[in-house]
N, C-alpha and C. Protein backbone atom coordinates (compact mmCIF):
# COMPACT_ATOMS: atom_id res chain seq x y z
N MET A 1 4.06 -24.58 12.50
CA MET A 1 4.10 -22.90 12.57
C MET A 1 3.42 -22.21 11.74
N ASP A 2 2.35 -21.23 11.69
CA ASP A 2 2.19 -20.26 10.91
C ASP A 2 2.87 -19.05 10.72
N THR A 3 3.36 -19.11 9.71
CA THR A 3 4.25 -17.67 9.74
C THR A 3 3.57 -16.50 8.82
N VAL A 4 3.70 -15.41 9.86
CA VAL A 4 3.02 -14.35 8.98
C VAL A 4 3.96 -13.59 8.28
N THR A 5 3.92 -13.48 7.16
CA THR A 5 5.01 -12.97 6.20
C THR A 5 5.00 -11.42 6.11
N PHE A 6 3.71 -10.84 5.69
CA PHE A 6 3.18 -9.49 5.31
C PHE A 6 2.41 -9.04 6.72
N PRO A 7 3.28 -8.83 8.15
CA PRO A 7 2.28 -8.37 9.22
C PRO A 7 1.41 -7.28 9.06
N GLY A 8 2.05 -6.25 8.03
CA GLY A 8 0.85 -5.15 7.93
C GLY A 8 -0.36 -5.45 7.05
N ALA A 9 -0.54 -6.33 6.19
CA ALA A 9 -1.44 -6.89 5.59
C ALA A 9 -2.55 -7.23 6.26
N ARG A 10 -2.32 -7.60 7.77
CA ARG A 10 -3.70 -8.07 8.64
C ARG A 10 -4.63 -6.85 8.75
N VAL A 11 -4.18 -5.68 8.66
CA VAL A 11 -5.01 -4.47 9.06
C VAL A 11 -6.19 -4.86 7.74
N VAL A 12 -5.93 -5.27 6.92
CA VAL A 12 -6.98 -5.52 5.50
C VAL A 12 -8.34 -5.77 6.66
N GLY A 13 -8.01 -7.32 7.18
CA GLY A 13 -8.86 -7.86 7.73
C GLY A 13 -9.89 -7.45 8.70
N ALA A 14 -8.84 -6.81 9.40
CA ALA A 14 -9.38 -5.98 10.93
C ALA A 14 -10.41 -5.18 10.44
N ARG A 15 -9.95 -4.25 9.51
CA ARG A 15 -10.86 -3.05 9.15
C ARG A 15 -11.87 -3.58 8.08
N ARG A 16 -11.86 -4.37 7.73
CA ARG A 16 -13.18 -5.33 6.70
C ARG A 16 -13.96 -5.63 7.65
N ARG A 17 -13.54 -6.33 8.74
CA ARG A 17 -14.54 -6.76 10.19
C ARG A 17 -15.11 -5.68 10.69
N LEU A 18 -14.14 -4.48 10.98
CA LEU A 18 -14.74 -3.40 11.99
C LEU A 18 -15.91 -2.46 11.35
N LEU A 19 -15.72 -2.93 9.75
CA LEU A 19 -16.66 -1.99 8.83
C LEU A 19 -17.92 -2.47 8.71
N GLY A 20 -17.95 -4.06 9.18
CA GLY A 20 -18.88 -5.05 8.84
C GLY A 20 -19.08 -5.39 7.22
N ILE A 21 -18.01 -5.26 6.53
CA ILE A 21 -18.41 -5.50 5.25
C ILE A 21 -17.84 -7.07 5.13
N GLY A 22 -18.49 -7.87 4.40
CA GLY A 22 -18.23 -9.35 3.80
C GLY A 22 -17.06 -9.63 2.92
N ARG A 23 -16.30 -10.86 3.69
CA ARG A 23 -15.25 -10.97 2.86
C ARG A 23 -15.37 -11.17 1.09
N ALA A 24 -16.51 -11.87 0.95
CA ALA A 24 -16.75 -12.39 -0.53
C ALA A 24 -17.57 -11.16 -1.22
N GLU A 25 -18.13 -9.79 -0.57
CA GLU A 25 -18.68 -8.64 -1.18
C GLU A 25 -17.17 -7.98 -1.22
N LEU A 26 -16.26 -7.76 -0.59
CA LEU A 26 -15.34 -6.53 -0.71
C LEU A 26 -14.16 -7.62 -1.94
N ALA A 27 -14.07 -8.97 -1.73
CA ALA A 27 -13.50 -9.63 -2.88
C ALA A 27 -13.91 -9.28 -4.35
N GLN A 28 -15.14 -9.39 -4.43
CA GLN A 28 -16.10 -9.19 -5.82
C GLN A 28 -15.47 -7.42 -6.00
N GLU A 29 -16.13 -6.62 -5.00
CA GLU A 29 -15.76 -5.39 -5.77
C GLU A 29 -14.15 -5.22 -5.86
N ALA A 30 -13.35 -5.87 -5.44
CA ALA A 30 -12.26 -5.50 -5.75
C ALA A 30 -11.33 -6.52 -6.90
N GLY A 31 -12.25 -7.29 -7.54
CA GLY A 31 -11.88 -8.22 -8.37
C GLY A 31 -10.91 -9.34 -8.01
N LEU A 32 -10.97 -9.54 -6.95
CA LEU A 32 -10.20 -11.02 -6.44
C LEU A 32 -11.05 -12.23 -5.85
N PRO A 33 -10.53 -13.09 -6.02
CA PRO A 33 -11.01 -14.40 -5.30
C PRO A 33 -10.85 -14.31 -3.90
N PRO A 34 -12.30 -14.69 -3.30
CA PRO A 34 -12.03 -14.32 -1.82
C PRO A 34 -11.06 -15.35 -1.00
N ALA A 35 -10.46 -16.26 -1.59
CA ALA A 35 -9.31 -17.00 -0.94
C ALA A 35 -8.35 -16.39 -1.18
N LEU A 36 -8.01 -15.79 -2.09
CA LEU A 36 -7.10 -14.53 -1.99
C LEU A 36 -7.06 -13.72 -1.22
N LEU A 37 -8.20 -12.70 -0.51
CA LEU A 37 -8.20 -11.77 0.12
C LEU A 37 -8.11 -12.44 1.64
N ALA A 38 -8.27 -13.54 1.91
CA ALA A 38 -8.28 -14.32 2.73
C ALA A 38 -6.61 -14.51 3.45
N GLN A 39 -6.13 -15.01 2.36
CA GLN A 39 -4.42 -15.15 2.37
C GLN A 39 -3.81 -14.06 2.65
N LEU A 40 -4.30 -12.71 2.15
CA LEU A 40 -4.21 -11.21 2.18
C LEU A 40 -4.34 -10.83 3.72
N GLU A 41 -5.49 -11.47 3.97
CA GLU A 41 -5.79 -10.78 5.35
C GLU A 41 -4.67 -11.63 6.69
N ALA A 42 -4.82 -13.06 6.48
CA ALA A 42 -3.54 -13.51 7.19
C ALA A 42 -2.33 -13.30 7.24
N GLY A 43 -2.06 -12.17 6.40
CA GLY A 43 -0.50 -11.75 6.17
C GLY A 43 0.35 -12.60 5.54
N HIS A 44 -0.18 -13.65 4.52
CA HIS A 44 0.64 -14.46 3.74
C HIS A 44 0.71 -14.20 2.38
N TYR A 45 0.47 -12.95 1.93
CA TYR A 45 0.04 -12.38 0.36
C TYR A 45 0.67 -11.03 0.64
N ASP A 46 1.71 -10.60 -0.27
CA ASP A 46 1.79 -9.50 -0.08
C ASP A 46 0.69 -8.19 -0.69
N PRO A 47 0.40 -7.37 -0.10
CA PRO A 47 -0.60 -6.45 -1.08
C PRO A 47 -0.31 -5.71 -1.81
N ARG A 48 1.23 -5.53 -1.90
CA ARG A 48 2.09 -4.54 -3.00
C ARG A 48 1.75 -5.37 -4.34
N SER A 49 1.54 -6.59 -4.52
CA SER A 49 1.64 -7.18 -5.41
C SER A 49 0.02 -7.31 -6.37
N LEU A 50 -0.71 -7.14 -5.35
CA LEU A 50 -2.30 -6.87 -6.10
C LEU A 50 -2.08 -5.86 -7.28
N HIS A 51 -3.46 -6.18 -8.12
CA HIS A 51 -3.42 -5.23 -9.63
C HIS A 51 -3.67 -3.94 -8.54
N GLU A 52 -3.62 -2.96 -9.62
CA GLU A 52 -3.81 -1.26 -9.43
C GLU A 52 -5.11 -1.52 -8.88
N LEU A 53 -6.47 -1.86 -9.42
CA LEU A 53 -7.88 -1.77 -9.23
C LEU A 53 -7.61 -1.96 -7.91
N ALA A 54 -7.50 -3.39 -7.66
CA ALA A 54 -7.80 -3.85 -6.42
C ALA A 54 -7.26 -3.21 -4.95
N ARG A 55 -5.95 -2.59 -5.04
CA ARG A 55 -5.31 -1.78 -4.18
C ARG A 55 -6.05 -0.44 -4.18
N ARG A 56 -6.80 0.11 -5.15
CA ARG A 56 -7.54 1.47 -5.06
C ARG A 56 -8.83 1.01 -4.01
N VAL A 57 -9.57 -0.25 -4.89
CA VAL A 57 -10.55 -0.73 -4.09
C VAL A 57 -10.63 -0.88 -2.59
N LEU A 58 -9.52 -1.88 -2.18
CA LEU A 58 -9.37 -2.06 -1.22
C LEU A 58 -9.17 -0.36 -0.12
N ALA A 59 -8.03 -0.07 -0.35
CA ALA A 59 -7.84 1.36 0.22
C ALA A 59 -8.62 2.36 0.41
N ARG A 60 -9.91 2.39 -0.58
CA ARG A 60 -11.14 3.13 -0.77
C ARG A 60 -12.33 3.13 0.49
N ARG A 61 -12.44 1.69 -0.04
CA ARG A 61 -13.53 1.18 1.23
C ARG A 61 -12.97 0.73 2.40
N LEU A 62 -11.51 0.59 2.58
CA LEU A 62 -11.31 0.24 4.05
C LEU A 62 -10.79 1.37 4.63
N ASP A 63 -10.34 2.95 3.91
CA ASP A 63 -9.95 3.93 4.32
C ASP A 63 -8.45 3.44 4.74
N ILE A 64 -7.60 2.62 4.45
CA ILE A 64 -6.30 2.39 4.76
C ILE A 64 -5.42 2.83 3.42
N THR A 65 -4.17 2.51 3.70
CA THR A 65 -3.01 2.71 2.30
C THR A 65 -2.55 1.23 2.57
N LEU A 66 -2.02 1.00 1.20
CA LEU A 66 -1.36 -0.35 0.94
C LEU A 66 -0.18 -0.31 0.36
N ASP A 67 1.18 0.15 1.33
CA ASP A 67 2.28 0.24 0.90
C ASP A 67 3.09 -0.58 1.40
């Protein structure tokens, strides 16, 4: 069974795909490994635990809040 711990984080992947931004590109801009961004998009990683720069980049590029 695949448990989603942080369902609100799934908006990251939805917005990224909607805006046509590649995962590797966004991960690089945010200073994150692509695998970590994939975990975040799947809801398995708490976005609040990202470093400040990563949260700012994701919020700005995807036009979302990560609270």
